[in-house]
Amino acid sequence: MPKKILSLRDAFGRSLVEIGKINKNVIVLDADVAHPTRACFFEESFPDRFIQAGISEQNMVSVAGGLASCGFIPIVVCFAAFLVRRLFCGFPGSAVL
């Protein structure tokens, strides 16, 4: 029987769960794209380590920076077009904080 080929997003979601099992300091931050990116797999497995930031990419990246400074390993999940474009609206000021 041939192996089932996973879609990229299913593989991503499963990989997040595996990483979460290995390291308890991993926290996933999501920009309201948990279902299309399959970050919802991580949310189902580790709801206490999943942050739904909504469509607030700038703030999500700032929160990730704060978490990293406290020893956590944040993984930011967003569509690249939104993250790259919206990030520069708020990041320079918050990065200084």
N, C-alpha and C. Protein backbone atom coordinates (compact mmCIF):
# COMPACT_ATOMS: atom_id res chain seq x y z
N MET A 1 0.84 -1.18 0.00
CA MET A 1 0.00 0.00 0.00
C MET A 1 0.89 1.24 0.00
N PRO A 2 0.66 2.16 -0.93
CA PRO A 2 1.50 3.36 -1.00
C PRO A 2 1.27 4.27 0.21
N LYS A 3 2.32 4.98 0.57
CA LYS A 3 2.22 5.93 1.68
C LYS A 3 1.37 7.11 1.26
N LYS A 4 0.61 7.60 2.22
CA LYS A 4 -0.20 8.79 1.95
C LYS A 4 0.71 10.02 2.02
N ILE A 5 0.62 10.85 1.03
CA ILE A 5 1.41 12.07 1.00
C ILE A 5 0.64 13.16 1.73
N LEU A 6 1.31 13.77 2.72
CA LEU A 6 0.69 14.85 3.48
C LEU A 6 0.80 16.16 2.72
N SER A 7 -0.21 16.99 2.89
CA SER A 7 -0.08 18.34 2.36
C SER A 7 0.93 19.09 3.22
N LEU A 8 1.47 20.16 2.69
CA LEU A 8 2.45 20.94 3.43
C LEU A 8 1.87 21.45 4.73
N ARG A 9 0.63 21.93 4.71
CA ARG A 9 0.05 22.48 5.93
C ARG A 9 -0.24 21.40 6.96
N ASP A 10 -0.64 20.20 6.54
CA ASP A 10 -0.83 19.11 7.50
C ASP A 10 0.50 18.71 8.13
N ALA A 11 1.55 18.66 7.31
CA ALA A 11 2.88 18.35 7.84
C ALA A 11 3.34 19.42 8.82
N PHE A 12 3.04 20.68 8.52
CA PHE A 12 3.40 21.78 9.41
C PHE A 12 2.69 21.65 10.75
N GLY A 13 1.38 21.41 10.71
CA GLY A 13 0.62 21.26 11.94
C GLY A 13 1.10 20.09 12.78
N ARG A 14 1.36 18.98 12.15
CA ARG A 14 1.86 17.80 12.88
C ARG A 14 3.25 18.06 13.46
N SER A 15 4.07 18.78 12.70
CA SER A 15 5.41 19.09 13.18
C SER A 15 5.37 20.02 14.39
N LEU A 16 4.44 20.97 14.40
CA LEU A 16 4.29 21.83 15.57
C LEU A 16 3.98 21.01 16.81
N VAL A 17 3.10 20.03 16.66
CA VAL A 17 2.75 19.17 17.79
C VAL A 17 3.96 18.38 18.26
N GLU A 18 4.73 17.83 17.34
CA GLU A 18 5.92 17.06 17.72
C GLU A 18 6.94 17.95 18.43
N ILE A 19 7.13 19.16 17.93
CA ILE A 19 8.05 20.09 18.58
C ILE A 19 7.54 20.44 19.97
N GLY A 20 6.23 20.62 20.10
CA GLY A 20 5.64 20.92 21.40
C GLY A 20 5.81 19.80 22.41
N LYS A 21 5.81 18.57 21.94
CA LYS A 21 6.04 17.42 22.83
C LYS A 21 7.48 17.39 23.32
N ILE A 22 8.39 17.77 22.46
CA ILE A 22 9.81 17.72 22.79
C ILE A 22 10.23 18.85 23.72
N ASN A 23 9.67 20.04 23.50
CA ASN A 23 10.10 21.22 24.26
C ASN A 23 8.89 21.94 24.85
N LYS A 24 8.81 21.96 26.16
CA LYS A 24 7.68 22.58 26.86
C LYS A 24 7.73 24.11 26.83
N ASN A 25 8.83 24.68 26.34
CA ASN A 25 8.94 26.14 26.26
C ASN A 25 8.42 26.70 24.94
N VAL A 26 8.01 25.83 24.04
CA VAL A 26 7.49 26.28 22.75
C VAL A 26 6.07 26.82 22.93
N ILE A 27 5.85 28.02 22.41
CA ILE A 27 4.53 28.65 22.42
C ILE A 27 4.23 29.06 20.99
N VAL A 28 3.04 28.74 20.51
CA VAL A 28 2.63 29.12 19.15
C VAL A 28 1.71 30.33 19.24
N LEU A 29 2.05 31.36 18.47
CA LEU A 29 1.22 32.55 18.36
C LEU A 29 0.62 32.56 16.96
N ASP A 30 -0.68 32.78 16.87
CA ASP A 30 -1.39 32.64 15.61
C ASP A 30 -2.14 33.92 15.25
N ALA A 31 -2.11 34.29 13.97
CA ALA A 31 -2.79 35.48 13.48
C ALA A 31 -4.11 35.12 12.80
N ASP A 32 -4.93 34.38 13.49
CA ASP A 32 -6.26 34.00 13.00
C ASP A 32 -6.19 33.15 11.73
N VAL A 33 -5.15 32.32 11.65
CA VAL A 33 -5.01 31.42 10.50
C VAL A 33 -4.75 29.98 10.95
N ALA A 34 -5.22 29.63 12.13
CA ALA A 34 -4.93 28.31 12.71
C ALA A 34 -5.47 27.16 11.87
N HIS A 35 -6.64 27.34 11.28
CA HIS A 35 -7.20 26.23 10.49
C HIS A 35 -6.52 26.09 9.13
N PRO A 36 -6.35 27.17 8.37
CA PRO A 36 -5.68 27.00 7.08
C PRO A 36 -4.23 26.54 7.20
N THR A 37 -3.53 26.92 8.28
CA THR A 37 -2.13 26.52 8.44
C THR A 37 -1.98 25.24 9.25
N ARG A 38 -3.05 24.77 9.82
CA ARG A 38 -3.09 23.59 10.69
C ARG A 38 -2.37 23.81 12.02
N ALA A 39 -2.17 25.07 12.40
CA ALA A 39 -1.67 25.36 13.75
C ALA A 39 -2.70 24.93 14.78
N CYS A 40 -3.93 24.70 14.34
CA CYS A 40 -4.99 24.23 15.23
C CYS A 40 -4.63 22.86 15.82
N PHE A 41 -3.78 22.09 15.15
CA PHE A 41 -3.34 20.81 15.72
C PHE A 41 -2.59 21.06 17.02
N PHE A 42 -1.74 22.09 17.03
CA PHE A 42 -1.00 22.45 18.24
C PHE A 42 -1.97 22.96 19.30
N GLU A 43 -2.90 23.79 18.89
CA GLU A 43 -3.90 24.34 19.83
C GLU A 43 -4.68 23.23 20.51
N GLU A 44 -5.06 22.21 19.77
CA GLU A 44 -5.81 21.09 20.34
C GLU A 44 -4.96 20.29 21.33
N SER A 45 -3.68 20.17 21.04
CA SER A 45 -2.78 19.39 21.90
C SER A 45 -2.27 20.17 23.10
N PHE A 46 -2.04 21.47 22.92
CA PHE A 46 -1.46 22.31 23.98
C PHE A 46 -2.19 23.65 24.07
N PRO A 47 -3.44 23.66 24.49
CA PRO A 47 -4.20 24.92 24.51
C PRO A 47 -3.58 25.98 25.41
N ASP A 48 -2.85 25.56 26.44
CA ASP A 48 -2.23 26.52 27.35
C ASP A 48 -0.96 27.15 26.76
N ARG A 49 -0.50 26.64 25.62
CA ARG A 49 0.69 27.19 24.98
C ARG A 49 0.38 27.70 23.57
N PHE A 50 -0.87 28.08 23.38
CA PHE A 50 -1.32 28.61 22.09
C PHE A 50 -1.95 29.98 22.33
N ILE A 51 -1.48 30.98 21.61
CA ILE A 51 -2.01 32.34 21.75
C ILE A 51 -2.63 32.75 20.43
N GLN A 52 -3.92 33.05 20.46
CA GLN A 52 -4.62 33.54 19.29
C GLN A 52 -4.55 35.06 19.33
N ALA A 53 -3.74 35.64 18.46
CA ALA A 53 -3.54 37.09 18.44
C ALA A 53 -4.52 37.80 17.52
N GLY A 54 -5.25 37.06 16.72
CA GLY A 54 -6.15 37.70 15.78
C GLY A 54 -5.36 38.40 14.67
N ILE A 55 -6.03 39.33 14.01
CA ILE A 55 -5.36 40.03 12.91
C ILE A 55 -4.60 41.24 13.46
N SER A 56 -3.62 40.95 14.26
CA SER A 56 -2.79 41.96 14.90
C SER A 56 -1.33 41.50 14.83
N GLU A 57 -0.85 41.40 13.62
CA GLU A 57 0.47 40.83 13.39
C GLU A 57 1.58 41.58 14.12
N GLN A 58 1.49 42.93 14.13
CA GLN A 58 2.54 43.71 14.79
C GLN A 58 2.60 43.38 16.27
N ASN A 59 1.45 43.34 16.91
CA ASN A 59 1.41 43.03 18.33
C ASN A 59 1.86 41.59 18.60
N MET A 60 1.49 40.69 17.72
CA MET A 60 1.86 39.29 17.89
C MET A 60 3.38 39.14 17.89
N VAL A 61 4.05 39.82 17.00
CA VAL A 61 5.51 39.74 16.94
C VAL A 61 6.13 40.39 18.17
N SER A 62 5.53 41.46 18.66
CA SER A 62 6.03 42.08 19.90
C SER A 62 5.87 41.14 21.08
N VAL A 63 4.73 40.47 21.17
CA VAL A 63 4.51 39.49 22.24
C VAL A 63 5.53 38.35 22.12
N ALA A 64 5.78 37.91 20.89
CA ALA A 64 6.77 36.85 20.68
C ALA A 64 8.15 37.29 21.17
N GLY A 65 8.50 38.54 20.92
CA GLY A 65 9.78 39.05 21.41
C GLY A 65 9.85 39.05 22.92
N GLY A 66 8.74 39.44 23.56
CA GLY A 66 8.69 39.42 25.02
C GLY A 66 8.80 38.01 25.57
N LEU A 67 8.10 37.08 24.94
CA LEU A 67 8.18 35.68 25.37
C LEU A 67 9.59 35.13 25.22
N ALA A 68 10.24 35.47 24.11
CA ALA A 68 11.61 35.00 23.89
C ALA A 68 12.55 35.56 24.95
N SER A 69 12.33 36.80 25.35
CA SER A 69 13.20 37.40 26.37
C SER A 69 13.00 36.75 27.74
N CYS A 70 11.91 36.02 27.91
CA CYS A 70 11.63 35.31 29.17
C CYS A 70 12.00 33.83 29.09
N GLY A 71 12.64 33.42 28.01
CA GLY A 71 13.10 32.04 27.90
C GLY A 71 12.19 31.10 27.13
N PHE A 72 11.08 31.61 26.62
CA PHE A 72 10.19 30.77 25.81
C PHE A 72 10.69 30.74 24.37
N ILE A 73 10.16 29.81 23.61
CA ILE A 73 10.49 29.70 22.19
C ILE A 73 9.20 29.95 21.40
N PRO A 74 8.98 31.20 20.99
CA PRO A 74 7.75 31.51 20.26
C PRO A 74 7.85 31.12 18.79
N ILE A 75 6.77 30.57 18.29
CA ILE A 75 6.64 30.29 16.86
C ILE A 75 5.45 31.10 16.38
N VAL A 76 5.72 32.04 15.49
CA VAL A 76 4.69 32.94 14.97
C VAL A 76 4.13 32.34 13.69
N VAL A 77 2.81 32.19 13.64
CA VAL A 77 2.16 31.59 12.48
C VAL A 77 1.26 32.63 11.81
N CYS A 78 1.55 32.90 10.55
CA CYS A 78 0.79 33.90 9.80
C CYS A 78 1.08 33.69 8.32
N PHE A 79 0.25 34.24 7.48
CA PHE A 79 0.55 34.22 6.05
C PHE A 79 1.65 35.24 5.78
N ALA A 80 2.62 34.87 4.98
CA ALA A 80 3.79 35.72 4.74
C ALA A 80 3.42 37.12 4.25
N ALA A 81 2.45 37.21 3.37
CA ALA A 81 2.09 38.52 2.84
C ALA A 81 1.64 39.47 3.94
N PHE A 82 0.90 38.97 4.90
CA PHE A 82 0.43 39.82 5.99
C PHE A 82 1.55 40.11 6.98
N LEU A 83 2.32 39.12 7.28
CA LEU A 83 3.37 39.29 8.28
C LEU A 83 4.43 40.28 7.81
N VAL A 84 4.90 40.12 6.60
CA VAL A 84 5.97 40.99 6.10
C VAL A 84 5.48 42.41 5.93
N ARG A 85 4.34 42.60 5.35
CA ARG A 85 3.84 43.95 5.09
C ARG A 85 3.39 44.66 6.35
N ARG A 86 2.66 43.97 7.20
CA ARG A 86 2.10 44.61 8.39
C ARG A 86 3.12 44.77 9.49
N LEU A 87 4.11 43.92 9.49
CA LEU A 87 5.11 43.94 10.54
C LEU A 87 5.82 45.28 10.61
N PHE A 88 6.14 45.85 9.49
CA PHE A 88 6.91 47.09 9.48
C PHE A 88 6.10 48.29 9.95
N CYS A 89 4.80 48.15 10.08
CA CYS A 89 3.99 49.25 10.60
C CYS A 89 4.22 49.47 12.08
N GLY A 90 4.43 48.42 12.84
CA GLY A 90 4.54 48.57 14.28
C GLY A 90 5.80 48.06 14.90
N PHE A 91 6.57 47.29 14.16
CA PHE A 91 7.74 46.64 14.76
C PHE A 91 8.86 47.58 15.19
N PRO A 92 9.26 48.56 14.38
CA PRO A 92 10.42 49.36 14.79
C PRO A 92 10.27 49.99 16.18
N GLY A 93 9.12 50.51 16.48
CA GLY A 93 8.91 51.12 17.80
C GLY A 93 8.86 50.11 18.92
N SER A 94 8.20 49.00 18.70
CA SER A 94 8.06 48.01 19.77
C SER A 94 9.34 47.23 19.98
N ALA A 95 10.17 47.11 18.96
CA ALA A 95 11.43 46.38 19.11
C ALA A 95 12.38 47.10 20.05
N VAL A 96 12.25 48.40 20.13
CA VAL A 96 13.10 49.20 21.02
C VAL A 96 12.72 48.96 22.47
N LEU A 97 11.44 48.69 22.71
CA LEU A 97 10.98 48.47 24.08
C LEU A 97 11.67 47.27 24.64
